[in-house]
C-alpha cells in the first residue's frame, strides 16, 4: 500500500446525505478530496475517529519507538511475557493494520 493522505482530515456532510472526506488546504484549490462516504447509521459518531486517524497513526509509530527502548522484564523460564513485548505487539499490529497490512 502507498502512502496515506497526510492529516488533517475533515469529514463533512453533503447536501445529498453523503459525506466527503477532505484534506483541507489554505484555499479551496488546495483542498483535496480523499473520498465520498455513503450515508451510514453511525457516521456522525464515527467521524471524530476517522478524522483523528492520521494523528493516531503518528502517535502509534512514535510510541513504538519509545516502547522498543524500554527494558525487557520477560521471564523465559516461566513463560512470562513482559508488558514491553505485549505493547510492542499491539502497536505493530495497529500500525500494520492502519497501513493496509494483515491484521
N, C-alpha and C. Protein backbone atom coordinates (compact mmCIF):
# COMPACT_ATOMS: atom_id res chain seq x y z
N UNK A 1 0.85 -1.17 0.00
CA UNK A 1 0.00 0.00 0.00
C UNK A 1 0.90 1.24 0.00
N UNK A 2 0.47 2.26 -0.74
CA UNK A 2 1.23 3.50 -0.81
C UNK A 2 1.03 4.36 0.43
N UNK A 3 1.57 5.54 0.37
CA UNK A 3 1.44 6.48 1.49
C UNK A 3 0.00 6.99 1.59
N UNK A 4 -0.47 7.15 2.80
CA UNK A 4 -1.81 7.70 3.01
C UNK A 4 -1.78 9.22 2.87
N UNK A 5 -2.93 9.81 2.68
CA UNK A 5 -3.04 11.27 2.63
C UNK A 5 -2.75 11.79 4.02
N UNK A 6 -1.82 12.73 4.15
CA UNK A 6 -1.49 13.24 5.48
C UNK A 6 -2.67 13.98 6.11
N UNK A 7 -2.66 14.05 7.43
CA UNK A 7 -3.70 14.80 8.13
C UNK A 7 -3.46 16.29 7.97
N UNK A 8 -4.37 17.10 8.35
CA UNK A 8 -5.65 16.72 8.97
C UNK A 8 -6.65 16.25 7.92
N UNK A 9 -7.59 15.44 8.38
CA UNK A 9 -8.72 15.03 7.56
C UNK A 9 -9.96 15.69 8.13
N UNK A 10 -10.89 16.00 7.27
CA UNK A 10 -12.15 16.62 7.71
C UNK A 10 -13.29 15.89 7.04
N UNK A 11 -14.26 15.44 7.82
CA UNK A 11 -15.44 14.76 7.30
C UNK A 11 -16.61 15.71 7.41
N UNK A 12 -17.27 15.96 6.28
CA UNK A 12 -18.41 16.88 6.32
C UNK A 12 -19.58 16.32 5.52
N UNK A 13 -20.78 16.60 5.99
CA UNK A 13 -21.98 16.11 5.34
C UNK A 13 -22.28 16.94 4.11
N UNK A 14 -22.65 16.28 3.04
CA UNK A 14 -23.04 16.95 1.80
C UNK A 14 -24.55 17.10 1.77
N UNK A 15 -25.03 17.84 0.82
CA UNK A 15 -26.47 18.09 0.71
C UNK A 15 -27.27 16.83 0.43
N UNK A 16 -26.67 15.81 -0.19
CA UNK A 16 -27.41 14.59 -0.56
C UNK A 16 -27.32 13.48 0.47
N UNK A 17 -26.82 13.80 1.67
CA UNK A 17 -26.74 12.82 2.74
C UNK A 17 -25.45 12.03 2.75
N UNK A 18 -24.63 12.18 1.71
CA UNK A 18 -23.32 11.53 1.70
C UNK A 18 -22.34 12.41 2.47
N UNK A 19 -21.18 11.84 2.74
CA UNK A 19 -20.14 12.58 3.46
C UNK A 19 -18.89 12.64 2.59
N UNK A 20 -18.21 13.78 2.62
CA UNK A 20 -16.95 13.94 1.92
C UNK A 20 -15.82 13.97 2.93
N UNK A 21 -14.78 13.21 2.63
CA UNK A 21 -13.57 13.25 3.44
C UNK A 21 -12.57 14.09 2.67
N UNK A 22 -12.11 15.17 3.28
CA UNK A 22 -11.18 16.07 2.60
C UNK A 22 -9.91 16.28 3.43
N UNK A 23 -8.89 16.72 2.73
CA UNK A 23 -7.65 17.19 3.34
C UNK A 23 -7.67 18.69 3.09
N UNK A 24 -8.08 19.49 4.10
CA UNK A 24 -8.24 20.93 3.88
C UNK A 24 -6.92 21.61 3.52
N UNK A 25 -7.00 22.51 2.57
CA UNK A 25 -5.86 23.32 2.20
C UNK A 25 -6.09 24.76 2.63
N UNK A 26 -5.11 25.61 2.37
CA UNK A 26 -5.24 27.03 2.69
C UNK A 26 -6.35 27.66 1.86
N UNK A 27 -6.52 27.18 0.63
CA UNK A 27 -7.56 27.70 -0.27
C UNK A 27 -8.40 26.54 -0.76
N UNK A 28 -9.51 26.83 -1.40
CA UNK A 28 -10.37 25.79 -1.95
C UNK A 28 -9.61 24.98 -2.99
N UNK A 29 -8.76 25.63 -3.78
CA UNK A 29 -7.99 24.93 -4.81
C UNK A 29 -6.99 23.95 -4.20
N UNK A 30 -6.51 24.23 -3.00
CA UNK A 30 -5.54 23.35 -2.34
C UNK A 30 -6.20 22.22 -1.56
N UNK A 31 -7.50 22.29 -1.35
CA UNK A 31 -8.22 21.26 -0.62
C UNK A 31 -8.34 20.02 -1.49
N UNK A 32 -7.99 18.85 -0.93
CA UNK A 32 -8.04 17.60 -1.68
C UNK A 32 -9.18 16.73 -1.19
N UNK A 33 -9.95 16.19 -2.14
CA UNK A 33 -11.00 15.24 -1.81
C UNK A 33 -10.36 13.87 -1.66
N UNK A 34 -10.53 13.27 -0.49
CA UNK A 34 -9.97 11.95 -0.23
C UNK A 34 -10.97 10.88 -0.66
N UNK A 35 -12.24 11.11 -0.37
CA UNK A 35 -13.25 10.13 -0.74
C UNK A 35 -14.64 10.58 -0.35
N UNK A 36 -15.62 9.85 -0.85
CA UNK A 36 -17.02 10.09 -0.53
C UNK A 36 -17.54 8.86 0.19
N UNK A 37 -18.23 9.09 1.28
CA UNK A 37 -18.75 8.00 2.10
C UNK A 37 -20.27 8.03 2.03
N UNK A 38 -20.88 6.90 1.70
CA UNK A 38 -22.33 6.79 1.64
C UNK A 38 -22.90 6.96 3.04
N UNK A 39 -24.15 7.41 3.13
CA UNK A 39 -24.76 7.58 4.45
C UNK A 39 -24.71 6.28 5.25
N UNK A 40 -24.36 6.40 6.48
CA UNK A 40 -24.31 5.24 7.38
C UNK A 40 -24.99 5.61 8.68
N UNK A 41 -25.52 4.63 9.34
CA UNK A 41 -26.31 4.92 10.53
C UNK A 41 -25.49 5.55 11.65
N UNK A 42 -24.18 5.33 11.69
CA UNK A 42 -23.39 5.79 12.82
C UNK A 42 -22.26 6.74 12.39
N UNK A 43 -22.35 7.29 11.17
CA UNK A 43 -21.24 8.08 10.64
C UNK A 43 -20.95 9.32 11.50
N UNK A 44 -21.97 9.93 12.05
CA UNK A 44 -21.72 11.12 12.88
C UNK A 44 -20.89 10.78 14.10
N UNK A 45 -21.11 9.59 14.66
CA UNK A 45 -20.32 9.16 15.82
C UNK A 45 -18.93 8.67 15.40
N UNK A 46 -18.81 8.14 14.18
CA UNK A 46 -17.53 7.63 13.70
C UNK A 46 -16.64 8.74 13.16
N UNK A 47 -17.21 9.88 12.79
CA UNK A 47 -16.46 10.96 12.15
C UNK A 47 -15.23 11.41 12.96
N UNK A 48 -15.34 11.63 14.27
CA UNK A 48 -14.15 12.06 15.01
C UNK A 48 -13.01 11.04 14.96
N UNK A 49 -13.34 9.76 15.00
CA UNK A 49 -12.32 8.71 14.92
C UNK A 49 -11.66 8.71 13.54
N UNK A 50 -12.47 8.85 12.50
CA UNK A 50 -11.94 8.88 11.14
C UNK A 50 -11.02 10.09 10.96
N UNK A 51 -11.46 11.23 11.44
CA UNK A 51 -10.66 12.46 11.31
C UNK A 51 -9.35 12.36 12.09
N UNK A 52 -9.36 11.63 13.20
CA UNK A 52 -8.17 11.51 14.05
C UNK A 52 -7.18 10.45 13.56
N UNK A 53 -7.57 9.64 12.58
CA UNK A 53 -6.73 8.52 12.14
C UNK A 53 -5.29 8.89 11.81
N UNK A 54 -5.02 9.94 11.03
CA UNK A 54 -3.61 10.26 10.75
C UNK A 54 -2.81 10.59 12.01
N UNK A 55 -3.43 11.31 12.93
CA UNK A 55 -2.74 11.67 14.18
C UNK A 55 -2.51 10.43 15.04
N UNK A 56 -3.49 9.54 15.09
CA UNK A 56 -3.35 8.32 15.88
C UNK A 56 -2.24 7.43 15.32
N UNK A 57 -2.11 7.36 14.00
CA UNK A 57 -1.02 6.58 13.40
C UNK A 57 0.33 7.18 13.78
N UNK A 58 0.45 8.50 13.70
CA UNK A 58 1.71 9.15 14.09
C UNK A 58 2.06 8.85 15.55
N UNK A 59 1.07 8.92 16.43
CA UNK A 59 1.30 8.66 17.85
C UNK A 59 1.69 7.19 18.07
N UNK A 60 1.05 6.27 17.36
CA UNK A 60 1.37 4.85 17.50
C UNK A 60 2.81 4.58 17.05
N UNK A 61 3.22 5.18 15.93
CA UNK A 61 4.59 4.98 15.45
C UNK A 61 5.61 5.57 16.42
N UNK A 62 5.32 6.73 16.97
CA UNK A 62 6.21 7.37 17.94
C UNK A 62 6.27 6.52 19.23
N UNK A 63 5.11 6.05 19.67
CA UNK A 63 5.05 5.23 20.90
C UNK A 63 5.83 3.94 20.74
N UNK A 64 5.77 3.34 19.55
CA UNK A 64 6.51 2.10 19.32
C UNK A 64 8.01 2.33 19.49
N UNK A 65 8.51 3.45 19.00
CA UNK A 65 9.94 3.76 19.17
C UNK A 65 10.31 3.86 20.64
N UNK A 66 9.44 4.45 21.44
CA UNK A 66 9.69 4.58 22.88
C UNK A 66 9.66 3.21 23.55
N UNK A 67 8.63 2.43 23.25
CA UNK A 67 8.46 1.12 23.88
C UNK A 67 9.62 0.19 23.52
N UNK A 68 10.11 0.27 22.28
CA UNK A 68 11.22 -0.59 21.86
C UNK A 68 12.47 -0.35 22.70
N UNK A 69 12.61 0.83 23.27
CA UNK A 69 13.79 1.16 24.06
C UNK A 69 13.61 0.91 25.56
N UNK A 70 12.45 0.42 25.96
CA UNK A 70 12.24 0.08 27.37
C UNK A 70 12.95 -1.22 27.70
N UNK A 71 13.31 -1.40 28.95
CA UNK A 71 13.97 -2.66 29.34
C UNK A 71 12.99 -3.83 29.31
N UNK A 72 13.51 -4.97 28.96
CA UNK A 72 12.70 -6.19 28.91
C UNK A 72 12.67 -6.82 30.30
N UNK A 73 11.50 -7.26 30.71
CA UNK A 73 11.36 -7.92 32.01
C UNK A 73 10.76 -9.31 31.85
N UNK A 74 10.98 -9.92 30.68
CA UNK A 74 10.44 -11.26 30.43
C UNK A 74 11.13 -12.30 31.30
N UNK A 75 10.41 -13.33 31.58
CA UNK A 75 10.96 -14.47 32.31
C UNK A 75 10.74 -15.68 31.41
N UNK A 76 11.70 -15.94 30.54
CA UNK A 76 11.54 -17.03 29.58
C UNK A 76 11.46 -18.39 30.28
N UNK A 77 12.03 -18.50 31.46
CA UNK A 77 12.00 -19.77 32.18
C UNK A 77 10.56 -20.13 32.56
N UNK A 78 9.80 -19.11 33.00
CA UNK A 78 8.41 -19.35 33.41
C UNK A 78 7.40 -19.03 32.31
N UNK A 79 7.88 -18.66 31.12
CA UNK A 79 6.97 -18.35 30.01
C UNK A 79 6.26 -17.02 30.16
N UNK A 80 6.75 -16.17 31.02
CA UNK A 80 6.12 -14.87 31.28
C UNK A 80 6.59 -13.86 30.23
N UNK A 81 5.66 -13.20 29.55
CA UNK A 81 5.99 -12.14 28.60
C UNK A 81 5.71 -10.81 29.27
N UNK A 82 6.67 -9.92 29.21
CA UNK A 82 6.52 -8.63 29.90
C UNK A 82 5.61 -7.67 29.12
N UNK A 83 5.21 -6.60 29.77
CA UNK A 83 4.35 -5.59 29.17
C UNK A 83 5.01 -4.93 27.97
N UNK A 84 6.34 -4.79 27.99
CA UNK A 84 7.05 -4.18 26.86
C UNK A 84 6.74 -4.94 25.57
N UNK A 85 6.87 -6.25 25.58
CA UNK A 85 6.64 -7.05 24.37
C UNK A 85 5.15 -7.09 24.01
N UNK A 86 4.31 -7.07 25.02
CA UNK A 86 2.87 -7.04 24.77
C UNK A 86 2.49 -5.74 24.03
N UNK A 87 3.02 -4.61 24.50
CA UNK A 87 2.71 -3.32 23.86
C UNK A 87 3.38 -3.20 22.50
N UNK A 88 4.58 -3.74 22.33
CA UNK A 88 5.21 -3.74 21.01
C UNK A 88 4.32 -4.49 20.00
N UNK A 89 3.82 -5.65 20.42
CA UNK A 89 2.96 -6.46 19.55
C UNK A 89 1.69 -5.70 19.19
N UNK A 90 1.05 -5.09 20.18
CA UNK A 90 -0.20 -4.35 19.94
C UNK A 90 0.03 -3.15 19.03
N UNK A 91 1.10 -2.41 19.27
CA UNK A 91 1.39 -1.24 18.45
C UNK A 91 1.73 -1.65 17.02
N UNK A 92 2.56 -2.67 16.86
CA UNK A 92 2.90 -3.14 15.50
C UNK A 92 1.66 -3.61 14.75
N UNK A 93 0.78 -4.31 15.43
CA UNK A 93 -0.45 -4.81 14.81
C UNK A 93 -1.33 -3.64 14.35
N UNK A 94 -1.49 -2.63 15.20
CA UNK A 94 -2.32 -1.47 14.85
C UNK A 94 -1.70 -0.68 13.70
N UNK A 95 -0.39 -0.48 13.74
CA UNK A 95 0.30 0.27 12.69
C UNK A 95 0.19 -0.49 11.35
N UNK A 96 0.41 -1.78 11.40
CA UNK A 96 0.32 -2.60 10.19
C UNK A 96 -1.10 -2.55 9.60
N UNK A 97 -2.10 -2.63 10.46
CA UNK A 97 -3.49 -2.57 10.02
C UNK A 97 -3.79 -1.20 9.40
N UNK A 98 -3.30 -0.14 10.02
CA UNK A 98 -3.54 1.21 9.51
C UNK A 98 -2.88 1.43 8.14
N UNK A 99 -1.80 0.69 7.89
CA UNK A 99 -1.09 0.84 6.62
C UNK A 99 -1.54 -0.16 5.57
N UNK A 100 -2.60 -0.90 5.88
CA UNK A 100 -3.18 -1.81 4.89
C UNK A 100 -2.62 -3.21 4.90
N UNK A 101 -1.85 -3.55 5.93
CA UNK A 101 -1.30 -4.89 6.04
C UNK A 101 -2.27 -5.85 6.69
N UNK A 102 -1.81 -7.07 6.86
CA UNK A 102 -2.63 -8.08 7.54
C UNK A 102 -2.79 -7.69 9.00
N UNK A 103 -3.90 -8.09 9.54
CA UNK A 103 -4.19 -7.78 10.94
C UNK A 103 -3.35 -8.56 11.87
